[in-house]
Amino acid sequence: MKHFGVYRVSVMIIMLAFLSSFCDKSDDDTNAADPANLIIEILSIDHETAEVVLQATALNTVQYHFYIGSSDIPEAMNETGLFDYTFDGEGQYSITVRAYSASGRYIKASQTITISTGGQTDPVPLSKGYFSPLEYNGYTLVWQDEFNDNAMNTSNWSFDIGDGCPNLCGWGNNELEYYRQENAWVADSVLTIEAREETFANRNYTSAKLISRGKKSFRYGRIDIRALLPQGKGLWPALWMLGNNFSTVGWPKCGEIDIMEMIGGNNGEYTCYGTIHWDESGEHASYGQSTTVSGDSFAEAYHVFSLIWDESSIQWLVDNQVYNQVTITNQQMSEFHQEFWFILNVAVGGNWPGNPDATTVFPQQMKVDYIRVFQPE
């Protein structure tokens, strides 16, 4: 399948700090309330000219000052907090906004803006990051998809198409994407799932969701998935599983195992989550933990997300390091003693990640190098 999306400009806004300080004024200035709750919102970015429009808002504020870098001389001042500034081409720029009250006291907030107008950034090579072995003591490799062909293996995968229930798309999470087959392809030894900002079927974003339901399902063993994740506010990649009885008992009675979830933006690309969901006495129950990596983020290098699952427990690993474990011997956790099938997707927006904003660059991709399932000998 051909890929027609290209990057024209990549702009990443990273919130570095939120600093509050008050300038020295006379103690007699007690009648005016101090400024509070300063927020900077990026309204728009012109990807051709590097023009940024931002809105600053704060309580008890009569004037806003806009600064670039370490200069103590404002580039602009106004009473509305609306600023329009064009940067000098590519580079990394620090901005600061001060919010002043009638007393002259102020608070400030700072951000760093990174602008690259040179076209598509270099792709992360498949060789960068962690690799897992093809064999483990006491285990046998029973199934794998290495994505080495130039087409999707339809013996393993189907597409879940649509924008919500009864498909496996929205789950009531208020996601914004429409899942399409056109947003996923296999080439260059990887599976690519691409989230795009485009209008389709009354949605403003499209993506893809692959499922192995009715084709490949497993109970117990070790699962390794090597993947490179997208980045940006509102991006929600996931590698997860549902129980085989989903179509008859529904969720959460079927059980859900989230091998990996990530919430993009605000350095969320360094943290992933491993979680299970089940039914407990007619109520939704869940348990999960997260881990944060040092060095290359999940969007900067390939990492291996693993699950070790047996009749007594489930463990979650990143690059072969255990970060979460749960016992599943409780009678009310019977969901986790049946076969489960795989789901691979990139959601856009929703209750958990929030919606994309002006800092989110599209298209964004999740790339999967391989999926391997090992079971005890």
Protein backbone atom coordinates (compact mmCIF):
# COMPACT_ATOMS: atom_id res chain seq x y z
CA MET A 1 0.00 0.00 0.00
CA LYS A 2 1.42 3.36 -0.95
CA HIS A 3 1.92 6.12 1.57
CA PHE A 4 1.03 9.58 0.36
CA GLY A 5 1.53 11.56 3.61
CA VAL A 6 4.60 13.80 3.88
CA TYR A 7 5.95 16.11 6.51
CA ARG A 8 6.33 19.67 5.36
CA VAL A 9 7.23 21.26 8.65
CA SER A 10 7.82 19.81 12.08
CA VAL A 11 7.15 22.08 15.02
CA MET A 12 7.36 20.80 18.54
CA ILE A 13 6.40 22.90 21.51
CA ILE A 14 7.75 21.58 24.81
CA MET A 15 6.62 23.04 28.09
CA LEU A 16 9.84 23.36 30.09
CA ALA A 17 8.67 25.14 33.20
CA PHE A 18 5.94 27.08 34.86
CA LEU A 19 7.57 29.67 37.07
CA SER A 20 5.81 32.09 39.37
CA SER A 21 7.53 35.09 40.91
CA PHE A 22 6.52 38.48 42.17
CA CYS A 23 8.45 41.69 41.61
CA ASP A 24 9.29 43.83 44.61
CA LYS A 25 6.70 46.49 45.35
CA SER A 26 5.75 48.42 48.39
CA ASP A 27 3.90 46.60 51.11
CA ASP A 28 1.35 49.41 50.89
CA ASP A 29 0.05 47.94 47.62
CA THR A 30 -2.39 45.66 49.35
CA ASN A 31 -5.66 46.67 47.73
CA ALA A 32 -5.00 45.10 44.33
CA ALA A 33 -5.25 41.32 44.06
CA ASP A 34 -2.16 39.49 42.87
CA PRO A 35 -2.17 37.87 39.41
CA ALA A 36 -2.73 34.11 39.36
CA ASN A 37 -3.18 31.05 37.14
CA LEU A 38 -1.18 32.20 34.13
CA ILE A 39 -1.72 29.90 31.12
CA ILE A 40 -0.15 30.11 27.66
CA GLU A 41 -2.16 28.51 24.83
CA ILE A 42 -0.73 28.14 21.33
CA LEU A 43 -3.57 29.13 18.99
CA SER A 44 -1.92 28.53 15.62
CA ILE A 45 1.37 27.90 13.87
CA ASP A 46 2.02 28.82 10.23
CA HIS A 47 4.15 25.94 9.06
CA GLU A 48 5.54 27.97 6.14
CA THR A 49 6.56 31.17 7.91
CA ALA A 50 7.12 29.94 11.50
CA GLU A 51 4.56 32.49 12.67
CA VAL A 52 3.11 31.60 16.07
CA VAL A 53 -0.05 33.02 17.58
CA LEU A 54 -0.53 32.51 21.31
CA GLN A 55 -3.02 33.53 23.94
CA ALA A 56 -1.98 34.21 27.53
CA THR A 57 -4.64 34.35 30.23
CA ALA A 58 -4.39 35.01 33.96
CA LEU A 59 -6.58 36.17 36.79
CA ASN A 60 -6.36 39.71 38.17
CA THR A 61 -4.24 40.87 35.22
CA VAL A 62 -4.28 44.29 33.57
CA GLN A 63 -1.32 43.91 31.20
CA TYR A 64 0.75 41.16 29.54
CA HIS A 65 4.39 41.40 28.40
CA PHE A 66 5.90 39.05 25.80
CA TYR A 67 9.66 38.27 25.82
CA ILE A 68 12.08 36.29 23.63
CA GLY A 69 15.11 34.55 25.10
CA SER A 70 16.83 36.10 28.12
CA SER A 71 16.01 39.67 27.16
CA ASP A 72 14.42 41.79 29.86
CA ILE A 73 12.94 44.09 27.22
CA PRO A 74 9.51 42.93 26.03
CA GLU A 75 8.88 42.36 22.34
CA ALA A 76 5.26 43.36 22.82
CA MET A 77 2.82 44.49 25.51
CA ASN A 78 -0.97 44.55 25.58
CA GLU A 79 -4.03 44.14 27.75
CA THR A 80 -5.46 41.12 25.93
CA GLY A 81 -2.63 38.57 26.16
CA LEU A 82 -2.94 37.82 22.43
CA PHE A 83 0.48 37.80 20.73
CA ASP A 84 1.50 37.13 17.10
CA TYR A 85 5.22 36.57 16.51
CA THR A 86 7.28 35.29 13.57
CA PHE A 87 10.55 33.57 14.44
CA ASP A 88 13.76 33.80 12.39
CA GLY A 89 13.54 30.45 10.64
CA GLU A 90 14.74 27.17 12.11
CA GLY A 91 15.92 27.00 15.67
CA GLN A 92 15.00 26.66 19.29
CA TYR A 93 13.49 29.70 20.94
CA SER A 94 12.58 30.49 24.53
CA ILE A 95 9.55 32.67 25.17
CA THR A 96 8.22 34.17 28.39
CA VAL A 97 4.98 35.92 29.20
CA ARG A 98 4.52 38.08 32.27
CA ALA A 99 1.08 38.87 33.66
CA TYR A 100 0.88 42.11 35.67
CA SER A 101 -1.78 43.09 38.19
CA ALA A 102 -2.79 46.69 38.93
CA SER A 103 -0.32 46.71 41.82
CA GLY A 104 2.59 46.08 39.45
CA ARG A 105 3.23 42.58 40.74
CA TYR A 106 3.60 39.87 38.10
CA ILE A 107 3.84 36.17 37.51
CA LYS A 108 5.48 34.57 34.50
CA ALA A 109 5.34 31.40 32.41
CA SER A 110 8.00 30.17 29.99
CA GLN A 111 8.10 27.74 27.07
CA THR A 112 10.65 26.53 24.57
CA ILE A 113 9.63 26.42 20.92
CA THR A 114 11.55 24.24 18.45
CA ILE A 115 10.96 25.04 14.79
CA SER A 116 12.21 23.00 11.83
CA THR A 117 11.21 24.15 8.35
CA GLY A 118 13.53 21.87 6.44
CA GLY A 119 10.92 19.26 5.52
CA GLN A 120 10.60 15.71 6.86
CA THR A 121 12.92 14.83 9.68
CA ASP A 122 15.18 11.84 9.20
CA PRO A 123 13.31 8.63 10.00
CA VAL A 124 14.44 6.56 12.97
CA PRO A 125 16.42 3.63 11.55
CA LEU A 126 15.13 0.15 12.29
CA SER A 127 18.49 -0.68 13.86
CA LYS A 128 18.14 1.97 16.58
CA GLY A 129 16.91 0.75 19.93
CA TYR A 130 16.48 -2.49 21.82
CA PHE A 131 16.17 -5.97 20.27
CA SER A 132 14.78 -9.05 22.01
CA PRO A 133 16.07 -12.58 21.32
CA LEU A 134 14.40 -15.20 19.16
CA GLU A 135 14.51 -17.79 21.94
CA TYR A 136 14.20 -18.02 25.72
CA ASN A 137 15.05 -20.88 28.04
CA GLY A 138 11.96 -22.92 28.77
CA TYR A 139 9.90 -21.35 25.96
CA THR A 140 9.11 -22.23 22.35
CA LEU A 141 8.34 -19.64 19.69
CA VAL A 142 4.80 -20.58 18.58
CA TRP A 143 3.84 -17.60 16.39
CA GLN A 144 5.40 -14.48 14.95
CA ASP A 145 4.75 -11.73 12.45
CA GLU A 146 7.97 -10.05 11.37
CA PHE A 147 6.23 -7.84 8.76
CA ASN A 148 8.90 -8.73 6.20
CA ASP A 149 6.53 -8.88 3.23
CA ASN A 150 5.23 -5.89 1.29
CA ALA A 151 1.60 -6.54 2.17
CA MET A 152 -0.49 -7.17 5.25
CA ASN A 153 -0.77 -10.85 6.15
CA THR A 154 -4.52 -11.32 6.10
CA SER A 155 -4.14 -14.70 7.80
CA ASN A 156 -3.12 -12.75 10.89
CA TRP A 157 -4.93 -9.40 10.70
CA SER A 158 -8.20 -7.71 9.90
CA PHE A 159 -9.09 -4.01 9.98
CA ASP A 160 -11.58 -2.58 12.44
CA ILE A 161 -13.27 0.21 10.48
CA GLY A 162 -15.34 3.04 11.91
CA ASP A 163 -15.56 5.76 14.53
CA GLY A 164 -17.05 4.06 17.58
CA CYS A 165 -19.13 1.28 19.04
CA PRO A 166 -20.27 -1.32 18.13
CA ASN A 167 -16.84 -1.48 16.50
CA LEU A 168 -13.74 -1.57 18.67
CA CYS A 169 -12.99 2.04 17.93
CA GLY A 170 -14.22 4.55 20.46
CA TRP A 171 -15.12 2.59 23.59
CA GLY A 172 -17.01 5.67 24.75
CA ASN A 173 -13.66 7.46 25.19
CA ASN A 174 -14.74 10.39 22.97
CA GLU A 175 -11.90 9.76 20.55
CA LEU A 176 -11.71 11.92 17.42
CA GLU A 177 -10.41 9.56 14.73
CA TYR A 178 -12.07 7.47 12.03
CA TYR A 179 -10.28 4.16 11.54
CA ARG A 180 -9.54 3.30 7.90
CA GLN A 181 -7.67 0.54 6.11
CA GLU A 182 -5.80 3.15 4.06
CA ASN A 183 -3.90 4.34 7.14
CA ALA A 184 -1.85 1.15 7.62
CA TRP A 185 0.64 -0.66 5.41
CA VAL A 186 3.59 -3.07 5.50
CA ALA A 187 6.86 -2.07 3.84
CA ASP A 188 10.59 -1.99 4.62
CA SER A 189 10.15 -4.76 7.23
CA VAL A 190 7.74 -2.80 9.43
CA LEU A 191 4.03 -2.33 9.93
CA THR A 192 3.12 1.37 9.88
CA ILE A 193 -0.07 2.81 11.38
CA GLU A 194 -0.49 6.48 10.54
CA ALA A 195 -2.69 9.07 12.24
CA ARG A 196 -3.59 11.97 9.94
CA GLU A 197 -5.29 15.31 10.32
CA GLU A 198 -7.90 15.07 7.58
CA THR A 199 -11.67 15.21 7.28
CA PHE A 200 -13.39 11.89 6.68
CA ALA A 201 -16.89 10.69 7.61
CA ASN A 202 -17.51 13.79 9.75
CA ARG A 203 -14.27 13.27 11.66
CA ASN A 204 -11.22 15.55 11.59
CA TYR A 205 -8.65 12.77 12.01
CA THR A 206 -8.07 9.32 10.56
CA SER A 207 -5.99 6.38 11.76
CA ALA A 208 -6.00 2.57 11.65
CA LYS A 209 -6.77 -0.31 14.00
CA LEU A 210 -5.64 -3.87 13.31
CA ILE A 211 -7.14 -6.86 15.10
CA SER A 212 -6.32 -10.59 15.09
CA ARG A 213 -9.80 -11.67 16.25
CA GLY A 214 -10.81 -15.01 14.78
CA LYS A 215 -7.31 -15.50 13.36
CA LYS A 216 -4.67 -15.51 16.10
CA SER A 217 -5.33 -15.83 19.83
CA PHE A 218 -3.29 -17.19 22.71
CA ARG A 219 -3.44 -18.11 26.38
CA TYR A 220 -0.33 -17.70 28.55
CA GLY A 221 3.27 -17.34 27.45
CA ARG A 222 5.61 -14.49 26.67
CA ILE A 223 4.75 -11.79 24.13
CA ASP A 224 7.38 -9.42 22.66
CA ILE A 225 6.39 -6.45 20.49
CA ARG A 226 9.12 -4.18 19.13
CA ALA A 227 7.73 -0.78 18.19
CA LEU A 228 8.46 2.89 17.59
CA LEU A 229 5.73 5.21 18.88
CA PRO A 230 4.32 8.53 17.63
CA GLN A 231 4.60 11.78 19.51
CA GLY A 232 2.51 14.85 20.23
CA LYS A 233 -0.40 16.07 22.30
CA GLY A 234 -3.52 13.99 21.79
CA LEU A 235 -1.76 10.88 20.37
CA TRP A 236 -2.65 7.60 22.06
CA PRO A 237 -0.88 4.51 20.65
CA ALA A 238 -1.78 1.12 22.11
CA LEU A 239 -0.76 -2.55 21.85
CA TRP A 240 -3.44 -4.55 23.65
CA MET A 241 -5.61 -7.67 23.83
CA LEU A 242 -9.21 -8.75 24.43
CA GLY A 243 -10.60 -12.10 25.54
CA ASN A 244 -12.05 -14.47 22.96
CA ASN A 245 -15.53 -14.23 24.49
CA PHE A 246 -15.78 -10.50 23.79
CA SER A 247 -18.57 -10.93 21.24
CA THR A 248 -20.75 -12.88 23.69
CA VAL A 249 -20.16 -11.27 27.10
CA GLY A 250 -18.90 -7.81 26.11
CA TRP A 251 -16.44 -5.59 27.94
CA PRO A 252 -15.15 -5.73 30.67
CA LYS A 253 -16.34 -9.30 31.29
CA CYS A 254 -14.15 -10.50 28.43
CA GLY A 255 -11.05 -9.03 30.10
CA GLU A 256 -8.57 -6.58 28.62
CA ILE A 257 -4.76 -6.71 28.75
CA ASP A 258 -2.99 -3.51 27.75
CA ILE A 259 0.55 -4.50 26.87
CA MET A 260 1.45 -0.88 26.18
CA GLU A 261 -0.32 2.47 26.13
CA MET A 262 1.31 5.88 25.79
CA ILE A 263 -0.08 9.41 26.05
CA GLY A 264 1.82 11.86 23.87
CA GLY A 265 2.81 15.44 24.63
CA ASN A 266 4.43 17.12 27.64
CA ASN A 267 7.24 14.53 27.57
CA GLY A 268 4.70 11.71 27.77
CA GLU A 269 6.76 9.93 25.13
CA TYR A 270 9.07 8.73 27.92
CA THR A 271 6.31 6.94 29.86
CA CYS A 272 4.22 3.89 29.01
CA TYR A 273 1.47 2.07 30.90
CA GLY A 274 0.61 -1.60 31.44
CA THR A 275 -2.93 -2.31 32.66
CA ILE A 276 -5.62 -4.97 32.94
CA HIS A 277 -9.40 -4.52 33.06
CA TRP A 278 -12.00 -7.04 34.23
CA ASP A 279 -15.46 -7.43 35.74
CA GLU A 280 -15.70 -7.73 39.50
CA SER A 281 -19.18 -8.39 40.89
CA GLY A 282 -20.76 -6.52 38.01
CA GLU A 283 -18.43 -3.54 38.25
CA HIS A 284 -15.49 -2.50 36.09
CA ALA A 285 -12.16 -3.15 37.85
CA SER A 286 -8.65 -2.33 36.69
CA TYR A 287 -5.05 -2.41 37.80
CA GLY A 288 -2.02 -0.83 36.17
CA GLN A 289 1.38 0.75 36.59
CA SER A 290 3.67 2.89 34.42
CA THR A 291 7.38 3.15 33.75
CA THR A 292 9.54 6.00 32.50
CA VAL A 293 12.63 5.39 30.38
CA SER A 294 15.85 7.38 30.36
CA GLY A 295 17.80 8.03 27.19
CA ASP A 296 15.87 7.73 23.95
CA SER A 297 12.11 8.17 24.29
CA PHE A 298 9.60 5.75 22.80
CA ALA A 299 9.37 8.11 19.79
CA GLU A 300 13.15 8.33 19.31
CA ALA A 301 14.10 4.65 19.24
CA TYR A 302 12.49 1.22 19.02
CA HIS A 303 11.67 -0.42 22.35
CA VAL A 304 10.37 -3.91 23.14
CA PHE A 305 7.13 -4.12 25.10
CA SER A 306 6.66 -7.55 26.68
CA LEU A 307 4.17 -9.56 28.66
CA ILE A 308 4.91 -12.70 30.71
CA TRP A 309 1.60 -14.37 31.50
CA ASP A 310 0.87 -17.65 33.25
CA GLU A 311 -1.89 -19.18 35.34
CA SER A 312 -0.91 -17.20 38.43
CA SER A 313 0.31 -13.77 37.30
CA ILE A 314 0.93 -11.23 34.54
CA GLN A 315 4.16 -9.25 34.29
CA TRP A 316 4.87 -6.21 32.09
CA LEU A 317 8.37 -5.44 30.79
CA VAL A 318 10.08 -2.76 28.70
CA ASP A 319 13.38 -3.80 27.15
CA ASN A 320 13.28 -6.92 29.34
CA GLN A 321 12.96 -4.93 32.58
CA VAL A 322 9.92 -5.81 34.73
CA TYR A 323 7.97 -2.75 35.90
CA ASN A 324 4.54 -4.16 36.78
CA GLN A 325 3.07 -7.43 38.06
CA VAL A 326 -0.36 -8.59 39.16
CA THR A 327 -1.66 -11.88 40.59
CA ILE A 328 -4.65 -13.33 38.70
CA THR A 329 -5.57 -16.29 40.91
CA ASN A 330 -8.59 -14.47 42.36
CA GLN A 331 -11.77 -16.26 41.30
CA GLN A 332 -13.22 -12.98 40.04
CA MET A 333 -10.33 -12.65 37.59
CA SER A 334 -11.28 -15.73 35.58
CA GLU A 335 -11.25 -13.58 32.43
CA PHE A 336 -7.47 -13.95 32.29
CA HIS A 337 -7.49 -17.72 31.91
CA GLN A 338 -8.79 -17.86 28.36
CA GLU A 339 -7.31 -17.03 24.96
CA PHE A 340 -6.86 -13.38 23.99
CA TRP A 341 -6.40 -11.73 20.58
CA PHE A 342 -4.35 -8.68 19.59
CA ILE A 343 -5.29 -5.08 18.81
CA LEU A 344 -2.83 -2.51 17.42
CA ASN A 345 -3.96 1.09 16.98
CA VAL A 346 -3.22 4.79 17.30
CA ALA A 347 -6.11 6.79 18.73
CA VAL A 348 -6.40 10.57 18.40
CA GLY A 349 -7.90 12.54 21.26
CA GLY A 350 -10.23 11.17 23.88
CA ASN A 351 -10.88 11.40 27.58
CA TRP A 352 -7.41 10.33 28.66
CA PRO A 353 -4.96 12.01 26.26
CA GLY A 354 -7.04 15.10 25.59
CA ASN A 355 -7.30 16.55 22.12
CA PRO A 356 -4.47 17.58 19.79
CA ASP A 357 -3.55 21.25 19.86
CA ALA A 358 -1.52 23.62 17.71
CA THR A 359 1.71 21.97 18.88
CA THR A 360 0.71 18.56 17.45
CA VAL A 361 2.33 17.81 14.11
CA PHE A 362 0.61 15.43 11.69
CA PRO A 363 0.95 12.86 10.27
CA GLN A 364 2.21 10.70 13.14
CA GLN A 365 3.17 7.03 12.89
CA MET A 366 3.51 3.95 15.05
CA LYS A 367 5.87 1.42 13.50
CA VAL A 368 5.88 -2.23 14.58
CA ASP A 369 8.98 -4.26 13.76
CA TYR A 370 7.67 -7.61 15.01
CA ILE A 371 5.28 -9.48 17.29
CA ARG A 372 6.42 -12.80 18.78
CA VAL A 373 4.57 -15.24 21.02
CA PHE A 374 6.45 -17.82 23.10
CA GLN A 375 4.84 -20.52 25.21
CA PRO A 376 6.26 -22.86 27.88
CA GLU A 377 7.85 -26.04 26.58
